[in-house]
Amino acid sequence: MKGECAGCKDSDGGIKPDVYGEVTLGETLTKKDVCSRVGDGKTLQEYYCKNRDEPGMQEIVCSGGCADGRCI
């Protein structure tokens, strides 16, 4: 798309486990915050932008559980 910046963008603005978010890198990559299917159902895979051109992921254990891509 003309005029579109290709950098990393995080809809929830960083590592915010209580807010669902999506990370996009240009038009080619989208990563969504998601509850892990492995283990006790309390682990969130939180995606964020490490820098302008690189997404990252951090696993966070949610004390109250995980649902809909966020800690509850």
C-alpha atoms as a PDB file:
ATOM      1  CA  MET A   1       0.000   0.000   0.000  1.00  0.00           C
ATOM      2  CA  LYS A   2       1.456   3.381  -0.996  1.00  0.00           C
ATOM      3  CA  GLY A   3       2.524   5.630   1.859  1.00  0.00           C
ATOM      4  CA  GLU A   4       2.236   2.825   4.433  1.00  0.00           C
ATOM      5  CA  CYS A   5       5.093   2.496   6.938  1.00  0.00           C
ATOM      6  CA  ALA A   6       6.403  -1.044   7.262  1.00  0.00           C
ATOM      7  CA  GLY A   7       7.620  -0.790  10.871  1.00  0.00           C
ATOM      8  CA  CYS A   8       6.469  -2.861  13.825  1.00  0.00           C
ATOM      9  CA  LYS A   9       3.196  -1.710  15.406  1.00  0.00           C
ATOM     10  CA  ASP A  10       1.593  -2.947  18.633  1.00  0.00           C
ATOM     11  CA  SER A  11      -2.104  -2.176  19.098  1.00  0.00           C
ATOM     12  CA  ASP A  12      -1.903  -2.328  22.919  1.00  0.00           C
ATOM     13  CA  GLY A  13       1.255  -0.211  23.125  1.00  0.00           C
ATOM     14  CA  GLY A  14       3.731  -2.682  24.613  1.00  0.00           C
ATOM     15  CA  ILE A  15       3.750  -5.371  27.282  1.00  0.00           C
ATOM     16  CA  LYS A  16       0.318  -4.981  28.849  1.00  0.00           C
ATOM     17  CA  PRO A  17      -0.926  -8.423  29.928  1.00  0.00           C
ATOM     18  CA  ASP A  18      -4.390  -7.182  30.927  1.00  0.00           C
ATOM     19  CA  VAL A  19      -5.045  -5.746  27.439  1.00  0.00           C
ATOM     20  CA  TYR A  20      -5.491  -7.840  24.259  1.00  0.00           C
ATOM     21  CA  GLY A  21      -3.270  -6.671  21.430  1.00  0.00           C
ATOM     22  CA  GLU A  22      -1.916  -7.481  17.998  1.00  0.00           C
ATOM     23  CA  VAL A  23       1.539  -6.824  16.591  1.00  0.00           C
ATOM     24  CA  THR A  24       1.888  -6.163  12.875  1.00  0.00           C
ATOM     25  CA  LEU A  25       5.011  -5.829  10.777  1.00  0.00           C
ATOM     26  CA  GLY A  26       4.139  -4.303   7.434  1.00  0.00           C
ATOM     27  CA  GLU A  27       1.589  -6.334   5.511  1.00  0.00           C
ATOM     28  CA  THR A  28       3.336  -9.668   5.992  1.00  0.00           C
ATOM     29  CA  LEU A  29       3.147 -10.518   9.708  1.00  0.00           C
ATOM     30  CA  THR A  30       0.479 -10.366  12.398  1.00  0.00           C
ATOM     31  CA  LYS A  31       0.918 -11.864  15.863  1.00  0.00           C
ATOM     32  CA  LYS A  32      -1.986 -11.865  18.326  1.00  0.00           C
ATOM     33  CA  ASP A  33      -1.750 -12.041  22.123  1.00  0.00           C
ATOM     34  CA  VAL A  34      -2.962 -15.537  22.957  1.00  0.00           C
ATOM     35  CA  CYS A  35      -3.463 -17.822  25.940  1.00  0.00           C
ATOM     36  CA  SER A  36      -1.147 -20.814  25.757  1.00  0.00           C
ATOM     37  CA  ARG A  37      -2.804 -24.191  25.304  1.00  0.00           C
ATOM     38  CA  VAL A  38       0.063 -25.841  27.160  1.00  0.00           C
ATOM     39  CA  GLY A  39       0.092 -26.183  30.946  1.00  0.00           C
ATOM     40  CA  ASP A  40      -2.469 -24.847  33.395  1.00  0.00           C
ATOM     41  CA  GLY A  41      -4.253 -22.314  31.156  1.00  0.00           C
ATOM     42  CA  LYS A  42      -2.735 -19.351  32.994  1.00  0.00           C
ATOM     43  CA  THR A  43       0.067 -18.507  30.572  1.00  0.00           C
ATOM     44  CA  LEU A  44      -0.257 -15.586  28.167  1.00  0.00           C
ATOM     45  CA  GLN A  45       1.930 -15.220  25.085  1.00  0.00           C
ATOM     46  CA  GLU A  46       2.249 -11.426  24.939  1.00  0.00           C
ATOM     47  CA  TYR A  47       3.578 -10.016  21.671  1.00  0.00           C
ATOM     48  CA  TYR A  48       5.265  -6.612  21.495  1.00  0.00           C
ATOM     49  CA  CYS A  49       7.737  -4.664  19.350  1.00  0.00           C
ATOM     50  CA  LYS A  50      11.378  -5.156  20.390  1.00  0.00           C
ATOM     51  CA  ASN A  51      12.293  -2.347  18.021  1.00  0.00           C
ATOM     52  CA  ARG A  52      10.999  -0.785  14.802  1.00  0.00           C
ATOM     53  CA  ASP A  53      11.685  -3.889  12.707  1.00  0.00           C
ATOM     54  CA  GLU A  54      11.419  -6.803  15.139  1.00  0.00           C
ATOM     55  CA  PRO A  55       8.493  -8.251  17.085  1.00  0.00           C
ATOM     56  CA  GLY A  56       9.096 -10.102  20.340  1.00  0.00           C
ATOM     57  CA  MET A  57       7.110 -12.431  22.595  1.00  0.00           C
ATOM     58  CA  GLN A  58       7.083 -12.802  26.361  1.00  0.00           C
ATOM     59  CA  GLU A  59       5.300 -15.573  28.272  1.00  0.00           C
ATOM     60  CA  ILE A  60       3.503 -14.246  31.342  1.00  0.00           C
ATOM     61  CA  VAL A  61       1.832 -16.366  34.026  1.00  0.00           C
ATOM     62  CA  CYS A  62      -1.522 -14.780  34.887  1.00  0.00           C
ATOM     63  CA  SER A  63      -2.438 -15.216  38.561  1.00  0.00           C
ATOM     64  CA  GLY A  64      -6.185 -15.105  37.861  1.00  0.00           C
ATOM     65  CA  GLY A  65      -6.069 -17.081  34.613  1.00  0.00           C
ATOM     66  CA  CYS A  66      -5.952 -16.210  30.946  1.00  0.00           C
ATOM     67  CA  ALA A  67      -8.869 -15.654  28.552  1.00  0.00           C
ATOM     68  CA  ASP A  68      -9.333 -14.017  25.168  1.00  0.00           C
ATOM     69  CA  GLY A  69      -5.627 -13.182  24.824  1.00  0.00           C
ATOM     70  CA  ARG A  70      -5.285 -11.325  28.120  1.00  0.00           C
ATOM     71  CA  CYS A  71      -4.822 -11.911  31.845  1.00  0.00           C
ATOM     72  CA  ILE A  72      -8.060 -11.809  33.838  1.00  0.00           C
END
